[in-house]
């Protein structure tokens, strides 16, 4: 199974970021977090599918 290696990312101060995003008219932190969680779930699904397909391909090769 493939591993997700987290990218080193400093955690920003939430109050400052929320203020900056709201002042700039950007999305709220909750919306950004939702997008990141959805993207992570999508990546995890793709990696799981790749692992499953790799297992099936390995089985086919071994059966020959």
PDB file of N, CA and C in Angstrom:
ATOM      1  N   UNK A   1       0.834  -1.175   0.000  1.00  0.00           N
ATOM      2  CA  UNK A   1       0.000   0.000   0.000  1.00  0.00           C
ATOM      3  C   UNK A   1       0.882   1.243   0.000  1.00  0.00           C
ATOM      4  N   UNK A   2       0.497   2.236  -0.751  1.00  0.00           N
ATOM      5  CA  UNK A   2       1.261   3.473  -0.830  1.00  0.00           C
ATOM      6  C   UNK A   2       1.048   4.302   0.433  1.00  0.00           C
ATOM      7  N   UNK A   3       2.094   5.011   0.810  1.00  0.00           N
ATOM      8  CA  UNK A   3       2.009   5.887   1.975  1.00  0.00           C
ATOM      9  C   UNK A   3       1.912   7.323   1.525  1.00  0.00           C
ATOM     10  N   UNK A   4       1.149   8.107   2.253  1.00  0.00           N
ATOM     11  CA  UNK A   4       1.089   9.545   2.007  1.00  0.00           C
ATOM     12  C   UNK A   4       2.123  10.190   2.915  1.00  0.00           C
ATOM     13  N   UNK A   5       3.057  10.897   2.308  1.00  0.00           N
ATOM     14  CA  UNK A   5       4.084  11.570   3.078  1.00  0.00           C
ATOM     15  C   UNK A   5       3.642  13.019   3.259  1.00  0.00           C
ATOM     16  N   UNK A   6       3.395  13.426   4.510  1.00  0.00           N
ATOM     17  CA  UNK A   6       2.928  14.797   4.713  1.00  0.00           C
ATOM     18  C   UNK A   6       4.008  15.808   4.349  1.00  0.00           C
ATOM     19  N   UNK A   7       3.594  16.869   3.724  1.00  0.00           N
ATOM     20  CA  UNK A   7       4.493  17.937   3.359  1.00  0.00           C
ATOM     21  C   UNK A   7       4.723  18.811   4.586  1.00  0.00           C
ATOM     22  N   UNK A   8       5.975  19.104   4.906  1.00  0.00           N
ATOM     23  CA  UNK A   8       6.206  19.937   6.091  1.00  0.00           C
ATOM     24  C   UNK A   8       5.585  21.310   5.889  1.00  0.00           C
ATOM     25  N   UNK A   9       4.642  21.623   6.722  1.00  0.00           N
ATOM     26  CA  UNK A   9       3.894  22.862   6.571  1.00  0.00           C
ATOM     27  C   UNK A   9       3.651  23.454   7.947  1.00  0.00           C
ATOM     28  N   UNK A  10       4.192  24.631   8.213  1.00  0.00           N
ATOM     29  CA  UNK A  10       3.946  25.228   9.529  1.00  0.00           C
ATOM     30  C   UNK A  10       2.470  25.549   9.700  1.00  0.00           C
ATOM     31  N   UNK A  11       1.982  25.359  10.906  1.00  0.00           N
ATOM     32  CA  UNK A  11       0.580  25.636  11.191  1.00  0.00           C
ATOM     33  C   UNK A  11       0.422  27.123  11.421  1.00  0.00           C
ATOM     34  N   UNK A  12      -0.407  27.796  10.610  1.00  0.00           N
ATOM     35  CA  UNK A  12      -0.586  29.238  10.771  1.00  0.00           C
ATOM     36  C   UNK A  12      -1.442  29.553  11.993  1.00  0.00           C
ATOM     37  N   UNK A  13      -1.341  30.768  12.439  1.00  0.00           N
ATOM     38  CA  UNK A  13      -2.168  31.223  13.561  1.00  0.00           C
ATOM     39  C   UNK A  13      -3.594  31.392  13.042  1.00  0.00           C
ATOM     40  N   UNK A  14      -4.580  30.641  13.571  1.00  0.00           N
ATOM     41  CA  UNK A  14      -5.946  30.654  13.033  1.00  0.00           C
ATOM     42  C   UNK A  14      -6.620  32.019  13.061  1.00  0.00           C
ATOM     43  N   UNK A  15      -6.449  32.776  14.114  1.00  0.00           N
ATOM     44  CA  UNK A  15      -7.135  34.071  14.208  1.00  0.00           C
ATOM     45  C   UNK A  15      -6.639  35.025  13.133  1.00  0.00           C
ATOM     46  N   UNK A  16      -5.335  35.031  12.887  1.00  0.00           N
ATOM     47  CA  UNK A  16      -4.781  35.923  11.870  1.00  0.00           C
ATOM     48  C   UNK A  16      -5.242  35.513  10.485  1.00  0.00           C
ATOM     49  N   UNK A  17      -5.207  34.214  10.192  1.00  0.00           N
ATOM     50  CA  UNK A  17      -5.623  33.748   8.871  1.00  0.00           C
ATOM     51  C   UNK A  17      -7.101  33.998   8.631  1.00  0.00           C
ATOM     52  N   UNK A  18      -7.933  33.743   9.626  1.00  0.00           N
ATOM     53  CA  UNK A  18      -9.370  33.979   9.468  1.00  0.00           C
ATOM     54  C   UNK A  18      -9.618  35.448   9.193  1.00  0.00           C
ATOM     55  N   UNK A  19      -8.922  36.308   9.902  1.00  0.00           N
ATOM     56  CA  UNK A  19      -9.088  37.741   9.688  1.00  0.00           C
ATOM     57  C   UNK A  19      -8.634  38.128   8.285  1.00  0.00           C
ATOM     58  N   UNK A  20      -7.471  37.629   7.868  1.00  0.00           N
ATOM     59  CA  UNK A  20      -6.943  37.969   6.547  1.00  0.00           C
ATOM     60  C   UNK A  20      -7.842  37.469   5.433  1.00  0.00           C
ATOM     61  N   UNK A  21      -8.367  36.267   5.562  1.00  0.00           N
ATOM     62  CA  UNK A  21      -9.234  35.714   4.517  1.00  0.00           C
ATOM     63  C   UNK A  21     -10.552  36.467   4.444  1.00  0.00           C
ATOM     64  N   UNK A  22     -11.131  36.777   5.597  1.00  0.00           N
ATOM     65  CA  UNK A  22     -12.414  37.470   5.597  1.00  0.00           C
ATOM     66  C   UNK A  22     -12.272  38.897   5.107  1.00  0.00           C
ATOM     67  N   UNK A  23     -11.186  39.578   5.455  1.00  0.00           N
ATOM     68  CA  UNK A  23     -10.967  40.937   4.996  1.00  0.00           C
ATOM     69  C   UNK A  23     -10.771  40.956   3.491  1.00  0.00           C
ATOM     70  N   UNK A  24     -10.042  39.988   2.976  1.00  0.00           N
ATOM     71  CA  UNK A  24      -9.763  39.931   1.548  1.00  0.00           C
ATOM     72  C   UNK A  24     -10.956  39.421   0.746  1.00  0.00           C
ATOM     73  N   UNK A  25     -12.023  39.011   1.426  1.00  0.00           N
ATOM     74  CA  UNK A  25     -13.187  38.491   0.720  1.00  0.00           C
ATOM     75  C   UNK A  25     -12.990  37.063   0.263  1.00  0.00           C
ATOM     76  N   UNK A  26     -11.980  36.394   0.798  1.00  0.00           N
ATOM     77  CA  UNK A  26     -11.691  35.016   0.424  1.00  0.00           C
ATOM     78  C   UNK A  26     -12.565  34.043   1.178  1.00  0.00           C
ATOM     79  N   UNK A  27     -12.413  32.766   0.903  1.00  0.00           N
ATOM     80  CA  UNK A  27     -13.206  31.739   1.582  1.00  0.00           C
ATOM     81  C   UNK A  27     -12.828  31.642   3.053  1.00  0.00           C
ATOM     82  N   UNK A  28     -13.740  31.167   3.852  1.00  0.00           N
ATOM     83  CA  UNK A  28     -13.471  31.016   5.277  1.00  0.00           C
ATOM     84  C   UNK A  28     -12.547  29.829   5.503  1.00  0.00           C
ATOM     85  N   UNK A  29     -11.979  29.757   6.698  1.00  0.00           N
ATOM     86  CA  UNK A  29     -11.095  28.638   7.027  1.00  0.00           C
ATOM     87  C   UNK A  29     -11.838  27.315   6.971  1.00  0.00           C
ATOM     88  N   UNK A  30     -13.110  27.314   7.374  1.00  0.00           N
ATOM     89  CA  UNK A  30     -13.890  26.072   7.328  1.00  0.00           C
ATOM     90  C   UNK A  30     -14.026  25.568   5.902  1.00  0.00           C
ATOM     91  N   UNK A  31     -14.269  26.466   4.962  1.00  0.00           N
ATOM     92  CA  UNK A  31     -14.394  26.063   3.562  1.00  0.00           C
ATOM     93  C   UNK A  31     -13.071  25.527   3.037  1.00  0.00           C
ATOM     94  N   UNK A  32     -11.973  26.182   3.398  1.00  0.00           N
ATOM     95  CA  UNK A  32     -10.654  25.716   2.964  1.00  0.00           C
ATOM     96  C   UNK A  32     -10.349  24.341   3.556  1.00  0.00           C
ATOM     97  N   UNK A  33     -10.682  24.155   4.830  1.00  0.00           N
ATOM     98  CA  UNK A  33     -10.440  22.865   5.485  1.00  0.00           C
ATOM     99  C   UNK A  33     -11.282  21.783   4.824  1.00  0.00           C
ATOM    100  N   UNK A  34     -12.537  22.095   4.513  1.00  0.00           N
ATOM    101  CA  UNK A  34     -13.405  21.127   3.831  1.00  0.00           C
ATOM    102  C   UNK A  34     -12.810  20.718   2.488  1.00  0.00           C
ATOM    103  N   UNK A  35     -12.311  21.700   1.742  1.00  0.00           N
ATOM    104  CA  UNK A  35     -11.708  21.400   0.440  1.00  0.00           C
ATOM    105  C   UNK A  35     -10.483  20.503   0.600  1.00  0.00           C
ATOM    106  N   UNK A  36      -9.658  20.806   1.599  1.00  0.00           N
ATOM    107  CA  UNK A  36      -8.457  19.997   1.813  1.00  0.00           C
ATOM    108  C   UNK A  36      -8.822  18.580   2.233  1.00  0.00           C
ATOM    109  N   UNK A  37      -9.833  18.429   3.081  1.00  0.00           N
ATOM    110  CA  UNK A  37     -10.251  17.100   3.512  1.00  0.00           C
ATOM    111  C   UNK A  37     -10.853  16.308   2.360  1.00  0.00           C
ATOM    112  N   UNK A  38     -11.619  16.984   1.495  1.00  0.00           N
ATOM    113  CA  UNK A  38     -12.180  16.310   0.324  1.00  0.00           C
ATOM    114  C   UNK A  38     -11.070  15.877  -0.628  1.00  0.00           C
ATOM    115  N   UNK A  39     -10.081  16.739  -0.821  1.00  0.00           N
ATOM    116  CA  UNK A  39      -8.962  16.397  -1.699  1.00  0.00           C
ATOM    117  C   UNK A  39      -8.185  15.219  -1.125  1.00  0.00           C
ATOM    118  N   UNK A  40      -7.981  15.224   0.189  1.00  0.00           N
ATOM    119  CA  UNK A  40      -7.248  14.123   0.825  1.00  0.00           C
ATOM    120  C   UNK A  40      -8.009  12.810   0.679  1.00  0.00           C
ATOM    121  N   UNK A  41      -9.337  12.867   0.836  1.00  0.00           N
ATOM    122  CA  UNK A  41     -10.151  11.664   0.681  1.00  0.00           C
ATOM    123  C   UNK A  41     -10.075  11.152  -0.759  1.00  0.00           C
ATOM    124  N   UNK A  42     -10.086  12.070  -1.716  1.00  0.00           N
ATOM    125  CA  UNK A  42      -9.981  11.670  -3.123  1.00  0.00           C
ATOM    126  C   UNK A  42      -8.633  11.029  -3.418  1.00  0.00           C
ATOM    127  N   UNK A  43      -7.577  11.611  -2.879  1.00  0.00           N
ATOM    128  CA  UNK A  43      -6.239  11.048  -3.072  1.00  0.00           C
ATOM    129  C   UNK A  43      -6.158   9.668  -2.443  1.00  0.00           C
ATOM    130  N   UNK A  44      -6.698   9.515  -1.241  1.00  0.00           N
ATOM    131  CA  UNK A  44      -6.679   8.217  -0.554  1.00  0.00           C
ATOM    132  C   UNK A  44      -7.422   7.176  -1.380  1.00  0.00           C
ATOM    133  N   UNK A  45      -8.574   7.554  -1.981  1.00  0.00           N
ATOM    134  CA  UNK A  45      -9.354   6.627  -2.798  1.00  0.00           C
ATOM    135  C   UNK A  45      -8.550   6.186  -4.023  1.00  0.00           C
ATOM    136  N   UNK A  46      -7.889   7.131  -4.670  1.00  0.00           N
ATOM    137  CA  UNK A  46      -7.074   6.798  -5.841  1.00  0.00           C
ATOM    138  C   UNK A  46      -5.936   5.864  -5.453  1.00  0.00           C
ATOM    139  N   UNK A  47      -5.264   6.149  -4.334  1.00  0.00           N
ATOM    140  CA  UNK A  47      -4.170   5.284  -3.891  1.00  0.00           C
ATOM    141  C   UNK A  47      -4.674   3.884  -3.553  1.00  0.00           C
ATOM    142  N   UNK A  48      -5.830   3.801  -2.917  1.00  0.00           N
ATOM    143  CA  UNK A  48      -6.408   2.489  -2.607  1.00  0.00           C
ATOM    144  C   UNK A  48      -6.749   1.725  -3.879  1.00  0.00           C
ATOM    145  N   UNK A  49      -7.307   2.430  -4.872  1.00  0.00           N
ATOM    146  CA  UNK A  49      -7.625   1.791  -6.155  1.00  0.00           C
ATOM    147  C   UNK A  49      -6.348   1.302  -6.844  1.00  0.00           C
ATOM    148  N   UNK A  50      -5.292   2.106  -6.800  1.00  0.00           N
ATOM    149  CA  UNK A  50      -4.025   1.691  -7.403  1.00  0.00           C
ATOM    150  C   UNK A  50      -3.457   0.458  -6.710  1.00  0.00           C
ATOM    151  N   UNK A  51      -3.542   0.418  -5.389  1.00  0.00           N
ATOM    152  CA  UNK A  51      -3.079  -0.758  -4.651  1.00  0.00           C
ATOM    153  C   UNK A  51      -3.880  -1.996  -5.032  1.00  0.00           C
ATOM    154  N   UNK A  52      -5.200  -1.834  -5.150  1.00  0.00           N
ATOM    155  CA  UNK A  52      -6.060  -2.961  -5.520  1.00  0.00           C
ATOM    156  C   UNK A  52      -5.709  -3.463  -6.919  1.00  0.00           C
ATOM    157  N   UNK A  53      -5.558  -2.532  -7.862  1.00  0.00           N
ATOM    158  CA  UNK A  53      -5.222  -2.916  -9.234  1.00  0.00           C
ATOM    159  C   UNK A  53      -3.834  -3.547  -9.319  1.00  0.00           C
ATOM    160  N   UNK A  54      -2.900  -3.024  -8.538  1.00  0.00           N
ATOM    161  CA  UNK A  54      -1.562  -3.607  -8.508  1.00  0.00           C
ATOM    162  C   UNK A  54      -1.615  -5.042  -7.994  1.00  0.00           C
ATOM    163  N   UNK A  55      -2.433  -5.285  -6.976  1.00  0.00           N
ATOM    164  CA  UNK A  55      -2.595  -6.637  -6.457  1.00  0.00           C
ATOM    165  C   UNK A  55      -3.181  -7.570  -7.497  1.00  0.00           C
ATOM    166  N   UNK A  56      -4.180  -7.082  -8.241  1.00  0.00           N
ATOM    167  CA  UNK A  56      -4.793  -7.912  -9.285  1.00  0.00           C
ATOM    168  C   UNK A  56      -3.795  -8.206 -10.403  1.00  0.00           C
ATOM    169  N   UNK A  57      -3.019  -7.208 -10.765  1.00  0.00           N
ATOM    170  CA  UNK A  57      -2.015  -7.407 -11.823  1.00  0.00           C
ATOM    171  C   UNK A  57      -0.945  -8.399 -11.382  1.00  0.00           C
ATOM    172  N   UNK A  58      -0.535  -8.309 -10.132  1.00  0.00           N
ATOM    173  CA  UNK A  58       0.454  -9.243  -9.602  1.00  0.00           C
ATOM    174  C   UNK A  58      -0.089 -10.666  -9.659  1.00  0.00           C
ATOM    175  N   UNK A  59      -1.353 -10.844  -9.288  1.00  0.00           N
ATOM    176  CA  UNK A  59      -1.982 -12.167  -9.332  1.00  0.00           C
ATOM    177  C   UNK A  59      -1.995 -12.715 -10.750  1.00  0.00           C
ATOM    178  N   UNK A  60      -2.340 -11.865 -11.722  1.00  0.00           N
ATOM    179  CA  UNK A  60      -2.368 -12.304 -13.114  1.00  0.00           C
ATOM    180  C   UNK A  60      -0.994 -12.742 -13.595  1.00  0.00           C
ATOM    181  N   UNK A  61       0.030 -11.995 -13.218  1.00  0.00           N
ATOM    182  CA  UNK A  61       1.395 -12.325 -13.632  1.00  0.00           C
ATOM    183  C   UNK A  61       1.831 -13.641 -13.007  1.00  0.00           C
ATOM    184  N   UNK A  62       1.479 -13.838 -11.729  1.00  0.00           N
ATOM    185  CA  UNK A  62       1.880 -15.069 -11.044  1.00  0.00           C
ATOM    186  C   UNK A  62       1.156 -16.291 -11.581  1.00  0.00           C
ATOM    187  N   UNK A  63      -0.037 -16.108 -12.122  1.00  0.00           N
ATOM    188  CA  UNK A  63      -0.806 -17.232 -12.669  1.00  0.00           C
ATOM    189  C   UNK A  63      -0.257 -17.731 -13.981  1.00  0.00           C
ATOM    190  N   UNK A  64       0.546 -16.962 -14.653  1.00  0.00           N
ATOM    191  CA  UNK A  64       1.091 -17.363 -15.962  1.00  0.00           C
ATOM    192  C   UNK A  64       2.093 -18.410 -15.839  1.00  0.00           C
TER     193      UNK A  64
END
